[in-house]
């Protein structure tokens, strides 16, 4: 009975150490994925903004050219 308790305690300690060791890796992965998502959204937003501005300028110049 005592041996089982010791084994169980060591097992729990090992799991605890693993969890503590994995926390930085998990937070790092979460941070990287968050940054990647934010940068992807930012890239799409910038691309859409540039495209929209390009279409607006193109349309404006075209209309002005037709008006002249």
PDB file of N, CA and C in Angstrom:
ATOM      1  N   UNK A   1       0.846  -1.209   0.000  1.00  0.00           N
ATOM      2  CA  UNK A   1       0.000   0.000   0.000  1.00  0.00           C
ATOM      3  C   UNK A   1       0.877   1.253   0.000  1.00  0.00           C
ATOM      4  N   UNK A   2       1.913   1.229   0.819  1.00  0.00           N
ATOM      5  CA  UNK A   2       2.811   2.388   0.887  1.00  0.00           C
ATOM      6  C   UNK A   2       3.514   2.583  -0.441  1.00  0.00           C
ATOM      7  N   UNK A   3       3.923   1.462  -1.045  1.00  0.00           N
ATOM      8  CA  UNK A   3       4.639   1.551  -2.322  1.00  0.00           C
ATOM      9  C   UNK A   3       3.733   2.175  -3.383  1.00  0.00           C
ATOM     10  N   UNK A   4       2.470   1.772  -3.413  1.00  0.00           N
ATOM     11  CA  UNK A   4       1.518   2.337  -4.377  1.00  0.00           C
ATOM     12  C   UNK A   4       1.397   3.848  -4.166  1.00  0.00           C
ATOM     13  N   UNK A   5       1.317   4.269  -2.924  1.00  0.00           N
ATOM     14  CA  UNK A   5       1.198   5.697  -2.619  1.00  0.00           C
ATOM     15  C   UNK A   5       2.418   6.458  -3.132  1.00  0.00           C
ATOM     16  N   UNK A   6       3.600   5.885  -2.911  1.00  0.00           N
ATOM     17  CA  UNK A   6       4.842   6.539  -3.364  1.00  0.00           C
ATOM     18  C   UNK A   6       4.850   6.625  -4.890  1.00  0.00           C
ATOM     19  N   UNK A   7       4.511   5.528  -5.552  1.00  0.00           N
ATOM     20  CA  UNK A   7       4.485   5.511  -7.023  1.00  0.00           C
ATOM     21  C   UNK A   7       3.495   6.554  -7.534  1.00  0.00           C
ATOM     22  N   UNK A   8       2.327   6.589  -6.903  1.00  0.00           N
ATOM     23  CA  UNK A   8       1.297   7.548  -7.328  1.00  0.00           C
ATOM     24  C   UNK A   8       1.787   8.983  -7.135  1.00  0.00           C
ATOM     25  N   UNK A   9       2.461   9.226  -5.995  1.00  0.00           N
ATOM     26  CA  UNK A   9       2.980  10.569  -5.715  1.00  0.00           C
ATOM     27  C   UNK A   9       4.021  10.965  -6.748  1.00  0.00           C
ATOM     28  N   UNK A  10       4.942  10.039  -7.059  1.00  0.00           N
ATOM     29  CA  UNK A  10       5.971  10.312  -8.070  1.00  0.00           C
ATOM     30  C   UNK A  10       5.326  10.568  -9.431  1.00  0.00           C
ATOM     31  N   UNK A  11       4.300   9.774  -9.749  1.00  0.00           N
ATOM     32  CA  UNK A  11       3.586   9.946 -11.013  1.00  0.00           C
ATOM     33  C   UNK A  11       2.970  11.343 -11.093  1.00  0.00           C
ATOM     34  N   UNK A  12       2.318  11.759  -9.999  1.00  0.00           N
ATOM     35  CA  UNK A  12       1.703  13.089  -9.955  1.00  0.00           C
ATOM     36  C   UNK A  12       2.767  14.176 -10.072  1.00  0.00           C
ATOM     37  N   UNK A  13       3.895  13.982  -9.396  1.00  0.00           N
ATOM     38  CA  UNK A  13       4.973  14.967  -9.461  1.00  0.00           C
ATOM     39  C   UNK A  13       5.506  15.077 -10.885  1.00  0.00           C
ATOM     40  N   UNK A  14       5.653  13.921 -11.550  1.00  0.00           N
ATOM     41  CA  UNK A  14       6.153  13.923 -12.923  1.00  0.00           C
ATOM     42  C   UNK A  14       5.194  14.698 -13.828  1.00  0.00           C
ATOM     43  N   UNK A  15       3.889  14.457 -13.677  1.00  0.00           N
ATOM     44  CA  UNK A  15       2.885  15.172 -14.475  1.00  0.00           C
ATOM     45  C   UNK A  15       2.957  16.673 -14.187  1.00  0.00           C
ATOM     46  N   UNK A  16       3.131  17.022 -12.915  1.00  0.00           N
ATOM     47  CA  UNK A  16       3.210  18.435 -12.540  1.00  0.00           C
ATOM     48  C   UNK A  16       4.435  19.088 -13.188  1.00  0.00           C
ATOM     49  N   UNK A  17       5.591  18.382 -13.127  1.00  0.00           N
ATOM     50  CA  UNK A  17       6.808  18.921 -13.736  1.00  0.00           C
ATOM     51  C   UNK A  17       6.629  19.075 -15.242  1.00  0.00           C
ATOM     52  N   UNK A  18       5.990  18.089 -15.872  1.00  0.00           N
ATOM     53  CA  UNK A  18       5.740  18.161 -17.316  1.00  0.00           C
ATOM     54  C   UNK A  18       4.872  19.368 -17.644  1.00  0.00           C
ATOM     55  N   UNK A  19       3.828  19.554 -16.837  1.00  0.00           N
ATOM     56  CA  UNK A  19       2.927  20.688 -17.064  1.00  0.00           C
ATOM     57  C   UNK A  19       3.683  22.000 -16.932  1.00  0.00           C
ATOM     58  N   UNK A  20       4.515  22.091 -15.877  1.00  0.00           N
ATOM     59  CA  UNK A  20       5.295  23.319 -15.658  1.00  0.00           C
ATOM     60  C   UNK A  20       6.259  23.537 -16.817  1.00  0.00           C
ATOM     61  N   UNK A  21       6.860  22.442 -17.306  1.00  0.00           N
ATOM     62  CA  UNK A  21       7.807  22.545 -18.409  1.00  0.00           C
ATOM     63  C   UNK A  21       7.098  22.929 -19.707  1.00  0.00           C
ATOM     64  N   UNK A  22       5.849  22.495 -19.858  1.00  0.00           N
ATOM     65  CA  UNK A  22       5.125  22.746 -21.108  1.00  0.00           C
ATOM     66  C   UNK A  22       4.476  24.126 -21.147  1.00  0.00           C
ATOM     67  N   UNK A  23       4.293  24.753 -19.978  1.00  0.00           N
ATOM     68  CA  UNK A  23       3.616  26.057 -19.941  1.00  0.00           C
ATOM     69  C   UNK A  23       4.302  27.086 -20.853  1.00  0.00           C
ATOM     70  N   UNK A  24       5.636  27.258 -20.796  1.00  0.00           N
ATOM     71  CA  UNK A  24       6.278  28.227 -21.694  1.00  0.00           C
ATOM     72  C   UNK A  24       6.060  27.895 -23.164  1.00  0.00           C
ATOM     73  N   UNK A  25       6.150  26.597 -23.500  1.00  0.00           N
ATOM     74  CA  UNK A  25       5.951  26.190 -24.896  1.00  0.00           C
ATOM     75  C   UNK A  25       4.529  26.513 -25.346  1.00  0.00           C
ATOM     76  N   UNK A  26       3.556  26.218 -24.484  1.00  0.00           N
ATOM     77  CA  UNK A  26       2.151  26.485 -24.829  1.00  0.00           C
ATOM     78  C   UNK A  26       1.931  27.985 -25.007  1.00  0.00           C
ATOM     79  N   UNK A  27       2.465  28.779 -24.079  1.00  0.00           N
ATOM     80  CA  UNK A  27       2.277  30.235 -24.194  1.00  0.00           C
ATOM     81  C   UNK A  27       2.992  30.759 -25.433  1.00  0.00           C
ATOM     82  N   UNK A  28       4.173  30.207 -25.752  1.00  0.00           N
ATOM     83  CA  UNK A  28       4.917  30.641 -26.933  1.00  0.00           C
ATOM     84  C   UNK A  28       4.110  30.335 -28.194  1.00  0.00           C
ATOM     85  N   UNK A  29       3.581  29.102 -28.268  1.00  0.00           N
ATOM     86  CA  UNK A  29       2.784  28.716 -29.436  1.00  0.00           C
ATOM     87  C   UNK A  29       1.549  29.605 -29.546  1.00  0.00           C
ATOM     88  N   UNK A  30       0.893  29.857 -28.418  1.00  0.00           N
ATOM     89  CA  UNK A  30      -0.301  30.703 -28.425  1.00  0.00           C
ATOM     90  C   UNK A  30       0.052  32.114 -28.884  1.00  0.00           C
ATOM     91  N   UNK A  31       1.175  32.645 -28.389  1.00  0.00           N
ATOM     92  CA  UNK A  31       1.598  33.998 -28.779  1.00  0.00           C
ATOM     93  C   UNK A  31       1.897  34.049 -30.271  1.00  0.00           C
ATOM     94  N   UNK A  32       2.635  33.038 -30.764  1.00  0.00           N
ATOM     95  CA  UNK A  32       3.002  33.014 -32.192  1.00  0.00           C
ATOM     96  C   UNK A  32       1.740  32.956 -33.051  1.00  0.00           C
ATOM     97  N   UNK A  33       0.802  32.084 -32.681  1.00  0.00           N
ATOM     98  CA  UNK A  33      -0.417  31.953 -33.485  1.00  0.00           C
ATOM     99  C   UNK A  33      -1.233  33.243 -33.431  1.00  0.00           C
ATOM    100  N   UNK A  34      -1.245  33.896 -32.242  1.00  0.00           N
ATOM    101  CA  UNK A  34      -1.984  35.149 -32.113  1.00  0.00           C
ATOM    102  C   UNK A  34      -1.353  36.216 -33.001  1.00  0.00           C
ATOM    103  N   UNK A  35      -0.023  36.323 -32.941  1.00  0.00           N
ATOM    104  CA  UNK A  35       0.687  37.312 -33.767  1.00  0.00           C
ATOM    105  C   UNK A  35       0.462  37.013 -35.250  1.00  0.00           C
ATOM    106  N   UNK A  36       0.514  35.739 -35.615  1.00  0.00           N
ATOM    107  CA  UNK A  36       0.309  35.356 -37.014  1.00  0.00           C
ATOM    108  C   UNK A  36      -1.097  35.749 -37.469  1.00  0.00           C
ATOM    109  N   UNK A  37      -2.086  35.491 -36.615  1.00  0.00           N
ATOM    110  CA  UNK A  37      -3.467  35.851 -36.969  1.00  0.00           C
ATOM    111  C   UNK A  37      -3.606  37.356 -37.126  1.00  0.00           C
ATOM    112  N   UNK A  38      -3.034  38.110 -36.174  1.00  0.00           N
ATOM    113  CA  UNK A  38      -3.128  39.574 -36.228  1.00  0.00           C
ATOM    114  C   UNK A  38      -2.444  40.103 -37.483  1.00  0.00           C
ATOM    115  N   UNK A  39      -1.247  39.583 -37.787  1.00  0.00           N
ATOM    116  CA  UNK A  39      -0.523  40.064 -38.957  1.00  0.00           C
ATOM    117  C   UNK A  39      -1.268  39.702 -40.238  1.00  0.00           C
ATOM    118  N   UNK A  40      -1.910  38.520 -40.255  1.00  0.00           N
ATOM    119  CA  UNK A  40      -2.671  38.117 -41.429  1.00  0.00           C
ATOM    120  C   UNK A  40      -3.853  39.067 -41.628  1.00  0.00           C
ATOM    121  N   UNK A  41      -4.575  39.354 -40.551  1.00  0.00           N
ATOM    122  CA  UNK A  41      -5.715  40.273 -40.633  1.00  0.00           C
ATOM    123  C   UNK A  41      -5.237  41.658 -41.069  1.00  0.00           C
ATOM    124  N   UNK A  42      -4.103  42.097 -40.500  1.00  0.00           N
ATOM    125  CA  UNK A  42      -3.559  43.409 -40.866  1.00  0.00           C
ATOM    126  C   UNK A  42      -3.183  43.441 -42.339  1.00  0.00           C
ATOM    127  N   UNK A  43      -2.537  42.371 -42.818  1.00  0.00           N
ATOM    128  CA  UNK A  43      -2.142  42.304 -44.225  1.00  0.00           C
ATOM    129  C   UNK A  43      -3.364  42.376 -45.132  1.00  0.00           C
ATOM    130  N   UNK A  44      -4.402  41.607 -44.801  1.00  0.00           N
ATOM    131  CA  UNK A  44      -5.624  41.610 -45.609  1.00  0.00           C
ATOM    132  C   UNK A  44      -6.256  42.998 -45.584  1.00  0.00           C
ATOM    133  N   UNK A  45      -6.305  43.610 -44.402  1.00  0.00           N
ATOM    134  CA  UNK A  45      -6.899  44.947 -44.272  1.00  0.00           C
ATOM    135  C   UNK A  45      -6.132  45.957 -45.120  1.00  0.00           C
ATOM    136  N   UNK A  46      -4.803  45.920 -45.013  1.00  0.00           N
ATOM    137  CA  UNK A  46      -3.973  46.854 -45.790  1.00  0.00           C
ATOM    138  C   UNK A  46      -4.164  46.615 -47.283  1.00  0.00           C
ATOM    139  N   UNK A  47      -4.176  45.340 -47.680  1.00  0.00           N
ATOM    140  CA  UNK A  47      -4.351  45.017 -49.099  1.00  0.00           C
ATOM    141  C   UNK A  47      -5.696  45.529 -49.598  1.00  0.00           C
ATOM    142  N   UNK A  48      -6.745  45.304 -48.822  1.00  0.00           N
ATOM    143  CA  UNK A  48      -8.079  45.776 -49.215  1.00  0.00           C
ATOM    144  C   UNK A  48      -8.091  47.305 -49.283  1.00  0.00           C
ATOM    145  N   UNK A  49      -7.435  47.949 -48.295  1.00  0.00           N
ATOM    146  CA  UNK A  49      -7.397  49.416 -48.281  1.00  0.00           C
ATOM    147  C   UNK A  49      -6.663  49.933 -49.510  1.00  0.00           C
ATOM    148  N   UNK A  50      -5.498  49.340 -49.825  1.00  0.00           N
ATOM    149  CA  UNK A  50      -4.721  49.784 -50.995  1.00  0.00           C
ATOM    150  C   UNK A  50      -5.537  49.563 -52.263  1.00  0.00           C
ATOM    151  N   UNK A  51      -6.168  48.396 -52.370  1.00  0.00           N
ATOM    152  CA  UNK A  51      -6.970  48.094 -53.555  1.00  0.00           C
ATOM    153  C   UNK A  51      -8.122  49.090 -53.670  1.00  0.00           C
ATOM    154  N   UNK A  52      -8.777  49.359 -52.546  1.00  0.00           N
ATOM    155  CA  UNK A  52      -9.891  50.309 -52.553  1.00  0.00           C
ATOM    156  C   UNK A  52      -9.422  51.695 -52.957  1.00  0.00           C
ATOM    157  N   UNK A  53      -8.305  52.138 -52.385  1.00  0.00           N
ATOM    158  CA  UNK A  53      -7.767  53.458 -52.732  1.00  0.00           C
ATOM    159  C   UNK A  53      -7.378  53.487 -54.196  1.00  0.00           C
ATOM    160  N   UNK A  54      -6.749  52.392 -54.688  1.00  0.00           N
ATOM    161  CA  UNK A  54      -6.347  52.313 -56.087  1.00  0.00           C
ATOM    162  C   UNK A  54      -7.555  52.413 -57.009  1.00  0.00           C
ATOM    163  N   UNK A  55      -8.613  51.693 -56.683  1.00  0.00           N
ATOM    164  CA  UNK A  55      -9.827  51.750 -57.504  1.00  0.00           C
ATOM    165  C   UNK A  55     -10.433  53.149 -57.448  1.00  0.00           C
ATOM    166  N   UNK A  56     -10.420  53.752 -56.244  1.00  0.00           N
ATOM    167  CA  UNK A  56     -10.997  55.087 -56.083  1.00  0.00           C
ATOM    168  C   UNK A  56     -10.214  56.094 -56.927  1.00  0.00           C
ATOM    169  N   UNK A  57      -8.871  56.054 -56.798  1.00  0.00           N
ATOM    170  CA  UNK A  57      -8.047  56.987 -57.563  1.00  0.00           C
ATOM    171  C   UNK A  57      -8.213  56.736 -59.057  1.00  0.00           C
ATOM    172  N   UNK A  58      -8.186  55.438 -59.441  1.00  0.00           N
ATOM    173  CA  UNK A  58      -8.337  55.113 -60.853  1.00  0.00           C
ATOM    174  C   UNK A  58      -9.663  55.633 -61.379  1.00  0.00           C
ATOM    175  N   UNK A  59     -10.733  55.385 -60.609  1.00  0.00           N
ATOM    176  CA  UNK A  59     -12.059  55.851 -61.029  1.00  0.00           C
ATOM    177  C   UNK A  59     -12.099  57.361 -61.102  1.00  0.00           C
ATOM    178  N   UNK A  60     -11.504  58.024 -60.090  1.00  0.00           N
ATOM    179  CA  UNK A  60     -11.535  59.490 -60.055  1.00  0.00           C
ATOM    180  C   UNK A  60     -10.792  60.052 -61.260  1.00  0.00           C
ATOM    181  N   UNK A  61      -9.608  59.520 -61.541  1.00  0.00           N
ATOM    182  CA  UNK A  61      -8.815  60.023 -62.671  1.00  0.00           C
ATOM    183  C   UNK A  61      -9.545  59.750 -63.984  1.00  0.00           C
ATOM    184  N   UNK A  62     -10.136  58.580 -64.080  1.00  0.00           N
ATOM    185  CA  UNK A  62     -10.822  58.214 -65.302  1.00  0.00           C
ATOM    186  C   UNK A  62     -11.999  59.183 -65.531  1.00  0.00           C
ATOM    187  N   UNK A  63     -12.760  59.414 -64.473  1.00  0.00           N
ATOM    188  CA  UNK A  63     -13.910  60.308 -64.603  1.00  0.00           C
ATOM    189  C   UNK A  63     -13.453  61.720 -64.970  1.00  0.00           C
ATOM    190  N   UNK A  64     -12.365  62.146 -64.320  1.00  0.00           N
ATOM    191  CA  UNK A  64     -11.871  63.491 -64.585  1.00  0.00           C
ATOM    192  C   UNK A  64     -11.421  63.574 -66.056  1.00  0.00           C
ATOM    193  N   UNK A  65     -10.754  62.479 -66.520  1.00  0.00           N
ATOM    194  CA  UNK A  65     -10.294  62.454 -67.907  1.00  0.00           C
ATOM    195  C   UNK A  65     -11.479  62.501 -68.864  1.00  0.00           C
ATOM    196  N   UNK A  66     -12.537  61.754 -68.545  1.00  0.00           N
ATOM    197  CA  UNK A  66     -13.710  61.752 -69.413  1.00  0.00           C
ATOM    198  C   UNK A  66     -14.374  63.134 -69.398  1.00  0.00           C
ATOM    199  N   UNK A  67     -14.370  63.768 -68.215  1.00  0.00           N
ATOM    200  CA  UNK A  67     -14.993  65.087 -68.101  1.00  0.00           C
ATOM    201  C   UNK A  67     -14.251  66.100 -68.970  1.00  0.00           C
ATOM    202  N   UNK A  68     -12.918  66.022 -68.971  1.00  0.00           N
ATOM    203  CA  UNK A  68     -12.138  66.951 -69.797  1.00  0.00           C
ATOM    204  C   UNK A  68     -12.339  66.583 -71.256  1.00  0.00           C
TER     205      UNK A  68
END
